[in-house]
Protein backbone atom coordinates (compact mmCIF):
# COMPACT_ATOMS: atom_id res chain seq x y z
CA UNK A 1 0.00 -0.15 -0.02
CA UNK A 2 0.64 3.51 0.26
CA UNK A 3 3.67 4.40 2.62
CA UNK A 4 2.42 6.83 5.66
CA UNK A 5 4.11 8.12 8.57
CA UNK A 6 2.70 5.09 11.01
CA UNK A 7 3.22 2.49 8.21
CA UNK A 8 5.33 -0.95 8.77
CA UNK A 9 7.79 -2.55 6.74
CA UNK A 10 6.62 -5.69 4.83
CA UNK A 11 9.49 -7.65 4.92
CA UNK A 12 9.27 -10.67 2.76
CA UNK A 13 11.64 -13.52 4.14
CA UNK A 14 13.03 -16.36 2.05
CA UNK A 15 13.57 -19.58 3.67
CA UNK A 16 14.77 -22.96 1.51
CA UNK A 17 12.26 -24.49 2.91
CA UNK A 18 8.99 -23.19 5.36
CA UNK A 19 6.98 -26.09 7.09
CA UNK A 20 5.83 -22.74 9.98
CA UNK A 21 5.31 -19.89 8.11
CA UNK A 22 3.99 -18.54 11.61
CA UNK A 23 6.95 -19.87 13.89
CA UNK A 24 9.47 -18.65 11.10
CA UNK A 25 7.99 -15.33 11.00
CA UNK A 26 8.44 -15.11 14.62
CA UNK A 27 11.71 -15.98 14.43
CA UNK A 28 12.88 -13.00 12.29
CA UNK A 29 10.15 -10.70 14.78
CA UNK A 30 12.47 -12.13 17.35
CA UNK A 31 15.57 -11.59 16.26
CA UNK A 32 14.46 -8.26 14.72
CA UNK A 33 12.89 -6.80 17.55
CA UNK A 34 15.35 -3.97 18.18
CA UNK A 35 15.19 -2.23 15.18
CA UNK A 36 13.10 1.26 15.65
CA UNK A 37 10.49 0.51 12.64
CA UNK A 38 7.24 -1.98 12.57
CA UNK A 39 7.81 -5.56 10.65
CA UNK A 40 4.94 -7.37 8.76
CA UNK A 41 7.11 -10.58 8.35
CA UNK A 42 6.17 -12.57 5.27
CA UNK A 43 8.04 -15.69 5.28
CA UNK A 44 7.88 -17.78 2.07
CA UNK A 45 9.96 -20.40 0.16
CA UNK A 46 11.02 -20.12 -3.06
CA UNK A 47 8.22 -22.46 -4.73
CA UNK A 48 5.94 -20.03 -3.20
CA UNK A 49 7.39 -17.13 -4.38
CA UNK A 50 7.31 -18.31 -7.92
CA UNK A 51 3.50 -19.28 -7.67
CA UNK A 52 2.08 -16.54 -5.91
CA UNK A 53 4.46 -13.89 -7.08
CA UNK A 54 2.32 -12.11 -9.80
CA UNK A 55 -0.98 -13.27 -7.99
CA UNK A 56 -2.66 -9.80 -8.03
CA UNK A 57 -3.66 -8.56 -4.33
CA UNK A 58 -1.11 -11.07 -2.76
CA UNK A 59 1.66 -8.85 -0.73
CA UNK A 60 4.48 -10.64 -2.51
CA UNK A 61 3.49 -9.52 -6.56
CA UNK A 62 4.47 -5.64 -5.03
CA UNK A 63 7.54 -7.04 -2.98
CA UNK A 64 8.98 -8.71 -6.23
CA UNK A 65 7.99 -5.26 -8.35
CA UNK A 66 8.50 -2.96 -6.04
CA UNK A 67 10.97 -4.15 -2.90
CA UNK A 68 14.79 -3.68 -1.91
CA UNK A 69 16.97 -6.79 -1.45
CA UNK A 70 18.16 -6.25 2.18
CA UNK A 71 20.50 -9.16 2.50
CA UNK A 72 21.30 -12.11 0.09
CA UNK A 73 23.14 -14.79 0.93
CA UNK A 74 23.48 -15.71 -2.48
CA UNK A 75 25.10 -13.00 -3.01
């Protein structure tokens, strides 16, 4: 959505495999809890990213089109 002063950051985290999305998102939130911005963590695996990345209405679509890579382990 549009950015406002009270907006959160949608953080898409791609794991090699995600068995429990909620647990993965909670782990990322704990690891980033000291950051001064609110995060909405979306945990996905590469297959879900490929499958849902172009779906209209999916948070993954704008993340892939407009998002910024914060960290890339493969790089």
